[in-house]
Amino acid sequence: MAASEEIHEDFDYDNDDDSTTAKIKIICLGDSAVGKSKLVERFLMDDYKPQQLSTYALTLFRYNTTMNGKSIGVDIWDTAGQERFASLHPSYYHQAHACILTFDVTRKITYKNLSRWYKELREYRPSIPCVVVANKIDVDFSITKKSFNFVKKHNLPFYFVSASDGTNVVKVFRNAIKLAVVYKEESTDFLDEVMRELEV
């Protein structure tokens, strides 16, 4: 069973010391209490716990999987409440390979704030894949009949999910992992190129 731990070290995701394992970093973005931690927990443990997690640091969830016969080490970073300060430290975005951007369908303001989070993401990671997630559809399933302009405007993959009953949660994370692996292998991001040059 996967466990979470506080982050106290700097990981170098572009310098794999184990050639048989590709290491990727996925970050979770969105307003406080939209269900980011619960989505990660549901994916990793298939266990929904209604209480709010409370920590003073970022939380790291580690997950191992395989793709096309290759081992993939996935680090999923969660904000652990730091998003309440309206922005995140640049190190949160450093060397991220994909993003899961989440809003709560029961709170309209969390949808409106997607633009702010997306803008901040693109300041630090201009071209990584970003998946948008509408969480808590179990509260009002009729929301799945609506369309969302933010997703269309930025042409982003979009999923209706429920951390409570598990709807589409595995699909979201598997897609994010797949996109992250492809991004890392094919990245033309300037910052990634600089990091590769420094590693030589």
C-alpha atoms as a PDB file:
ATOM      1  CA  MET A   1       0.000   0.000   0.000  1.00  0.00           C
ATOM      2  CA  ALA A   2       1.357   3.400  -0.975  1.00  0.00           C
ATOM      3  CA  ALA A   3       2.146   5.856   1.775  1.00  0.00           C
ATOM      4  CA  SER A   4       2.612   9.586   1.830  1.00  0.00           C
ATOM      5  CA  GLU A   5       5.616  11.380   3.222  1.00  0.00           C
ATOM      6  CA  GLU A   6       6.731  14.945   3.689  1.00  0.00           C
ATOM      7  CA  ILE A   7       9.235  16.235   1.168  1.00  0.00           C
ATOM      8  CA  HIS A   8      12.598  17.256   2.565  1.00  0.00           C
ATOM      9  CA  GLU A   9      14.853  16.641  -0.414  1.00  0.00           C
ATOM     10  CA  ASP A  10      15.376  17.750  -3.998  1.00  0.00           C
ATOM     11  CA  PHE A  11      14.723  15.081  -6.616  1.00  0.00           C
ATOM     12  CA  ASP A  12      16.440  15.083 -10.008  1.00  0.00           C
ATOM     13  CA  TYR A  13      13.892  13.561 -12.345  1.00  0.00           C
ATOM     14  CA  ASP A  14      15.950  14.023 -15.504  1.00  0.00           C
ATOM     15  CA  ASN A  15      18.919  12.044 -14.239  1.00  0.00           C
ATOM     16  CA  ASP A  16      17.797   8.434 -13.780  1.00  0.00           C
ATOM     17  CA  ASP A  17      20.408   6.528 -11.793  1.00  0.00           C
ATOM     18  CA  ASP A  18      18.497   3.308 -12.512  1.00  0.00           C
ATOM     19  CA  SER A  19      18.388   2.898 -16.293  1.00  0.00           C
ATOM     20  CA  THR A  20      15.573   0.352 -16.056  1.00  0.00           C
ATOM     21  CA  THR A  21      13.202   2.765 -14.319  1.00  0.00           C
ATOM     22  CA  ALA A  22      11.835   5.994 -15.768  1.00  0.00           C
ATOM     23  CA  LYS A  23      11.066   8.541 -13.064  1.00  0.00           C
ATOM     24  CA  ILE A  24       8.319  11.077 -13.572  1.00  0.00           C
ATOM     25  CA  LYS A  25       6.727  13.802 -11.464  1.00  0.00           C
ATOM     26  CA  ILE A  26       3.029  14.650 -11.577  1.00  0.00           C
ATOM     27  CA  ILE A  27       1.716  17.693  -9.709  1.00  0.00           C
ATOM     28  CA  CYS A  28      -1.825  18.350  -8.465  1.00  0.00           C
ATOM     29  CA  LEU A  29      -3.233  21.873  -8.729  1.00  0.00           C
ATOM     30  CA  GLY A  30      -6.489  23.560  -7.744  1.00  0.00           C
ATOM     31  CA  ASP A  31      -8.168  25.398  -4.895  1.00  0.00           C
ATOM     32  CA  SER A  32      -8.175  24.121  -1.330  1.00  0.00           C
ATOM     33  CA  ALA A  33     -10.664  21.317  -0.565  1.00  0.00           C
ATOM     34  CA  VAL A  34     -11.512  20.478  -4.176  1.00  0.00           C
ATOM     35  CA  GLY A  35     -10.509  16.895  -3.389  1.00  0.00           C
ATOM     36  CA  LYS A  36      -6.960  16.630  -4.757  1.00  0.00           C
ATOM     37  CA  SER A  37      -5.684  14.514  -1.853  1.00  0.00           C
ATOM     38  CA  LYS A  38      -8.777  12.313  -1.925  1.00  0.00           C
ATOM     39  CA  LEU A  39      -8.330  11.655  -5.637  1.00  0.00           C
ATOM     40  CA  VAL A  40      -4.734  10.561  -5.089  1.00  0.00           C
ATOM     41  CA  GLU A  41      -5.755   8.367  -2.151  1.00  0.00           C
ATOM     42  CA  ARG A  42      -8.546   6.781  -4.182  1.00  0.00           C
ATOM     43  CA  PHE A  43      -6.137   6.014  -7.007  1.00  0.00           C
ATOM     44  CA  LEU A  44      -3.405   4.587  -4.781  1.00  0.00           C
ATOM     45  CA  MET A  45      -5.449   2.791  -2.150  1.00  0.00           C
ATOM     46  CA  ASP A  46      -9.024   2.603  -3.428  1.00  0.00           C
ATOM     47  CA  ASP A  47     -10.002   3.954  -0.034  1.00  0.00           C
ATOM     48  CA  TYR A  48     -11.995   7.145   0.496  1.00  0.00           C
ATOM     49  CA  LYS A  49     -11.514   8.841   3.862  1.00  0.00           C
ATOM     50  CA  PRO A  50     -13.782  11.858   4.326  1.00  0.00           C
ATOM     51  CA  GLN A  51     -11.589  13.745   6.811  1.00  0.00           C
ATOM     52  CA  GLN A  52      -9.331  16.537   5.525  1.00  0.00           C
ATOM     53  CA  LEU A  53      -5.600  15.850   5.638  1.00  0.00           C
ATOM     54  CA  SER A  54      -3.655  18.535   7.448  1.00  0.00           C
ATOM     55  CA  THR A  55       0.116  18.852   7.095  1.00  0.00           C
ATOM     56  CA  TYR A  56       2.592  21.691   7.074  1.00  0.00           C
ATOM     57  CA  ALA A  57       4.594  20.585   4.038  1.00  0.00           C
ATOM     58  CA  LEU A  58       3.987  19.292   0.563  1.00  0.00           C
ATOM     59  CA  THR A  59       3.003  15.653   0.421  1.00  0.00           C
ATOM     60  CA  LEU A  60       4.632  13.120  -1.863  1.00  0.00           C
ATOM     61  CA  PHE A  61       2.890   9.935  -2.951  1.00  0.00           C
ATOM     62  CA  ARG A  62       5.044   7.292  -4.648  1.00  0.00           C
ATOM     63  CA  TYR A  63       3.637   4.799  -7.123  1.00  0.00           C
ATOM     64  CA  ASN A  64       5.322   2.183  -9.298  1.00  0.00           C
ATOM     65  CA  THR A  65       3.875   0.854 -12.529  1.00  0.00           C
ATOM     66  CA  THR A  66       4.928  -0.444 -15.941  1.00  0.00           C
ATOM     67  CA  MET A  67       4.328   0.914 -19.420  1.00  0.00           C
ATOM     68  CA  ASN A  68       5.300  -0.840 -22.639  1.00  0.00           C
ATOM     69  CA  GLY A  69       7.393  -3.246 -20.607  1.00  0.00           C
ATOM     70  CA  LYS A  70       9.360  -0.487 -18.843  1.00  0.00           C
ATOM     71  CA  SER A  71       9.231   0.249 -15.122  1.00  0.00           C
ATOM     72  CA  ILE A  72       7.888   3.695 -14.255  1.00  0.00           C
ATOM     73  CA  GLY A  73       8.468   5.356 -10.889  1.00  0.00           C
ATOM     74  CA  VAL A  74       5.771   7.984 -10.373  1.00  0.00           C
ATOM     75  CA  ASP A  75       5.976  10.732  -7.750  1.00  0.00           C
ATOM     76  CA  ILE A  76       2.634  12.487  -7.291  1.00  0.00           C
ATOM     77  CA  TRP A  77       2.997  15.825  -5.515  1.00  0.00           C
ATOM     78  CA  ASP A  78       0.078  17.226  -3.533  1.00  0.00           C
ATOM     79  CA  THR A  79      -0.153  20.753  -2.150  1.00  0.00           C
ATOM     80  CA  ALA A  80      -1.176  19.676   1.386  1.00  0.00           C
ATOM     81  CA  GLY A  81      -3.058  22.929   1.893  1.00  0.00           C
ATOM     82  CA  GLN A  82      -0.350  25.311   0.684  1.00  0.00           C
ATOM     83  CA  GLU A  83      -2.649  26.458  -2.133  1.00  0.00           C
ATOM     84  CA  ARG A  84      -4.550  28.506   0.466  1.00  0.00           C
ATOM     85  CA  PHE A  85      -1.766  31.076   0.118  1.00  0.00           C
ATOM     86  CA  ALA A  86      -2.972  31.683  -3.482  1.00  0.00           C
ATOM     87  CA  SER A  87       0.293  30.562  -5.103  1.00  0.00           C
ATOM     88  CA  LEU A  88       2.850  27.809  -4.734  1.00  0.00           C
ATOM     89  CA  HIS A  89       6.611  27.879  -4.342  1.00  0.00           C
ATOM     90  CA  PRO A  90       8.445  27.532  -7.697  1.00  0.00           C
ATOM     91  CA  SER A  91      10.063  24.299  -6.464  1.00  0.00           C
ATOM     92  CA  TYR A  92       6.625  22.665  -6.570  1.00  0.00           C
ATOM     93  CA  TYR A  93       6.662  23.007 -10.357  1.00  0.00           C
ATOM     94  CA  HIS A  94      10.352  22.179 -10.843  1.00  0.00           C
ATOM     95  CA  GLN A  95      10.897  19.265 -13.252  1.00  0.00           C
ATOM     96  CA  ALA A  96       7.197  18.344 -13.312  1.00  0.00           C
ATOM     97  CA  HIS A  97       6.197  16.221 -16.298  1.00  0.00           C
ATOM     98  CA  ALA A  98       2.385  16.504 -16.071  1.00  0.00           C
ATOM     99  CA  CYS A  99      -0.324  18.293 -14.079  1.00  0.00           C
ATOM    100  CA  ILE A 100      -3.771  17.303 -12.822  1.00  0.00           C
ATOM    101  CA  LEU A 101      -5.820  20.492 -12.432  1.00  0.00           C
ATOM    102  CA  THR A 102      -8.920  19.955 -10.296  1.00  0.00           C
ATOM    103  CA  PHE A 103     -12.092  21.883  -9.473  1.00  0.00           C
ATOM    104  CA  ASP A 104     -15.131  21.073  -7.330  1.00  0.00           C
ATOM    105  CA  VAL A 105     -18.407  20.983  -9.296  1.00  0.00           C
ATOM    106  CA  THR A 106     -20.299  22.045  -6.152  1.00  0.00           C
ATOM    107  CA  ARG A 107     -18.317  25.306  -5.802  1.00  0.00           C
ATOM    108  CA  LYS A 108     -18.318  27.587  -8.846  1.00  0.00           C
ATOM    109  CA  ILE A 109     -15.432  29.714  -7.559  1.00  0.00           C
ATOM    110  CA  THR A 110     -13.075  26.718  -7.813  1.00  0.00           C
ATOM    111  CA  TYR A 111     -13.875  26.539 -11.536  1.00  0.00           C
ATOM    112  CA  LYS A 112     -13.324  30.270 -11.999  1.00  0.00           C
ATOM    113  CA  ASN A 113      -9.934  29.969 -10.286  1.00  0.00           C
ATOM    114  CA  LEU A 114      -8.699  27.391 -12.806  1.00  0.00           C
ATOM    115  CA  SER A 115      -7.452  30.246 -14.995  1.00  0.00           C
ATOM    116  CA  ARG A 116      -5.245  31.562 -12.189  1.00  0.00           C
ATOM    117  CA  TRP A 117      -3.736  28.139 -11.483  1.00  0.00           C
ATOM    118  CA  TYR A 118      -3.223  27.452 -15.173  1.00  0.00           C
ATOM    119  CA  LYS A 119      -1.480  30.783 -15.661  1.00  0.00           C
ATOM    120  CA  GLU A 120       0.887  30.045 -12.773  1.00  0.00           C
ATOM    121  CA  LEU A 121       1.551  26.542 -14.122  1.00  0.00           C
ATOM    122  CA  ARG A 122       2.507  27.944 -17.525  1.00  0.00           C
ATOM    123  CA  GLU A 123       4.863  30.495 -15.983  1.00  0.00           C
ATOM    124  CA  TYR A 124       6.993  27.662 -14.623  1.00  0.00           C
ATOM    125  CA  ARG A 125       6.193  24.760 -16.955  1.00  0.00           C
ATOM    126  CA  PRO A 126       5.117  26.212 -20.330  1.00  0.00           C
ATOM    127  CA  SER A 127       4.463  22.991 -22.166  1.00  0.00           C
ATOM    128  CA  ILE A 128       3.845  20.036 -19.847  1.00  0.00           C
ATOM    129  CA  PRO A 129       0.575  18.118 -20.371  1.00  0.00           C
ATOM    130  CA  CYS A 130      -2.307  19.249 -18.164  1.00  0.00           C
ATOM    131  CA  VAL A 131      -5.440  17.216 -17.446  1.00  0.00           C
ATOM    132  CA  VAL A 132      -8.532  18.986 -16.059  1.00  0.00           C
ATOM    133  CA  VAL A 133     -10.709  17.176 -13.538  1.00  0.00           C
ATOM    134  CA  ALA A 134     -14.252  18.024 -12.410  1.00  0.00           C
ATOM    135  CA  ASN A 135     -14.553  16.349  -9.007  1.00  0.00           C
ATOM    136  CA  LYS A 136     -17.548  15.448  -6.798  1.00  0.00           C
ATOM    137  CA  ILE A 137     -19.953  14.574  -9.626  1.00  0.00           C
ATOM    138  CA  ASP A 138     -21.588  12.099  -7.218  1.00  0.00           C
ATOM    139  CA  VAL A 139     -23.204  15.123  -5.512  1.00  0.00           C
ATOM    140  CA  ASP A 140     -24.926  16.270  -8.717  1.00  0.00           C
ATOM    141  CA  PHE A 141     -24.557  13.918 -11.666  1.00  0.00           C
ATOM    142  CA  SER A 142     -26.447  16.321 -13.980  1.00  0.00           C
ATOM    143  CA  ILE A 143     -23.279  18.440 -14.102  1.00  0.00           C
ATOM    144  CA  THR A 144     -21.869  15.882 -16.558  1.00  0.00           C
ATOM    145  CA  LYS A 145     -24.250  17.215 -19.217  1.00  0.00           C
ATOM    146  CA  LYS A 146     -22.636  20.654 -19.111  1.00  0.00           C
ATOM    147  CA  SER A 147     -19.698  21.913 -21.156  1.00  0.00           C
ATOM    148  CA  PHE A 148     -16.878  24.051 -19.778  1.00  0.00           C
ATOM    149  CA  ASN A 149     -15.316  26.878 -21.789  1.00  0.00           C
ATOM    150  CA  PHE A 150     -11.996  26.783 -19.927  1.00  0.00           C
ATOM    151  CA  VAL A 151     -11.320  23.278 -21.209  1.00  0.00           C
ATOM    152  CA  LYS A 152     -12.282  24.177 -24.781  1.00  0.00           C
ATOM    153  CA  LYS A 153     -10.252  27.399 -24.744  1.00  0.00           C
ATOM    154  CA  HIS A 154      -7.043  25.606 -23.779  1.00  0.00           C
ATOM    155  CA  ASN A 155      -7.845  22.334 -25.579  1.00  0.00           C
ATOM    156  CA  LEU A 156      -7.124  20.186 -22.507  1.00  0.00           C
ATOM    157  CA  PRO A 157      -8.104  16.579 -21.701  1.00  0.00           C
ATOM    158  CA  PHE A 158     -11.133  16.668 -19.385  1.00  0.00           C
ATOM    159  CA  TYR A 159     -12.709  14.150 -17.002  1.00  0.00           C
ATOM    160  CA  PHE A 160     -15.749  14.076 -14.735  1.00  0.00           C
ATOM    161  CA  VAL A 161     -14.693  12.202 -11.596  1.00  0.00           C
ATOM    162  CA  SER A 162     -15.681  11.303  -8.058  1.00  0.00           C
ATOM    163  CA  ALA A 163     -13.134  10.625  -5.353  1.00  0.00           C
ATOM    164  CA  SER A 164     -16.043   9.378  -3.265  1.00  0.00           C
ATOM    165  CA  ASP A 165     -17.240   6.554  -5.545  1.00  0.00           C
ATOM    166  CA  GLY A 166     -14.134   6.224  -7.735  1.00  0.00           C
ATOM    167  CA  THR A 167     -15.677   7.252 -11.072  1.00  0.00           C
ATOM    168  CA  ASN A 168     -12.913   7.790 -13.680  1.00  0.00           C
ATOM    169  CA  VAL A 169     -10.180   8.253 -11.042  1.00  0.00           C
ATOM    170  CA  VAL A 170      -7.945   5.435 -12.288  1.00  0.00           C
ATOM    171  CA  LYS A 171      -8.477   6.580 -15.883  1.00  0.00           C
ATOM    172  CA  VAL A 172      -7.323  10.122 -15.026  1.00  0.00           C
ATOM    173  CA  PHE A 173      -4.107   9.052 -13.330  1.00  0.00           C
ATOM    174  CA  ARG A 174      -3.234   6.443 -15.939  1.00  0.00           C
ATOM    175  CA  ASN A 175      -3.695   9.025 -18.674  1.00  0.00           C
ATOM    176  CA  ALA A 176      -1.620  11.593 -16.754  1.00  0.00           C
ATOM    177  CA  ILE A 177       1.173   9.044 -16.288  1.00  0.00           C
ATOM    178  CA  LYS A 178       1.112   8.148 -19.979  1.00  0.00           C
ATOM    179  CA  LEU A 179       1.232  11.827 -20.991  1.00  0.00           C
ATOM    180  CA  ALA A 180       4.070  12.485 -18.522  1.00  0.00           C
ATOM    181  CA  VAL A 181       6.175   9.629 -19.897  1.00  0.00           C
ATOM    182  CA  VAL A 182       5.688  10.799 -23.485  1.00  0.00           C
ATOM    183  CA  TYR A 183       6.459  14.388 -22.493  1.00  0.00           C
ATOM    184  CA  LYS A 184       9.687  13.409 -20.756  1.00  0.00           C
ATOM    185  CA  GLU A 185      10.821  11.333 -23.728  1.00  0.00           C
ATOM    186  CA  GLU A 186       9.961  13.960 -26.349  1.00  0.00           C
ATOM    187  CA  SER A 187      10.258  17.245 -24.464  1.00  0.00           C
ATOM    188  CA  THR A 188      11.489  20.330 -26.310  1.00  0.00           C
ATOM    189  CA  ASP A 189      10.850  22.528 -23.274  1.00  0.00           C
ATOM    190  CA  PHE A 190      13.717  25.022 -22.982  1.00  0.00           C
ATOM    191  CA  LEU A 191      14.187  24.431 -19.246  1.00  0.00           C
ATOM    192  CA  ASP A 192      14.304  20.673 -19.780  1.00  0.00           C
ATOM    193  CA  GLU A 193      16.943  21.123 -22.465  1.00  0.00           C
ATOM    194  CA  VAL A 194      19.017  23.269 -20.097  1.00  0.00           C
ATOM    195  CA  MET A 195      18.765  20.629 -17.375  1.00  0.00           C
ATOM    196  CA  ARG A 196      19.900  17.921 -19.784  1.00  0.00           C
ATOM    197  CA  GLU A 197      22.888  20.026 -20.842  1.00  0.00           C
ATOM    198  CA  LEU A 198      23.881  20.553 -17.214  1.00  0.00           C
ATOM    199  CA  GLU A 199      23.787  16.818 -16.582  1.00  0.00           C
ATOM    200  CA  VAL A 200      26.284  16.001 -19.341  1.00  0.00           C
END
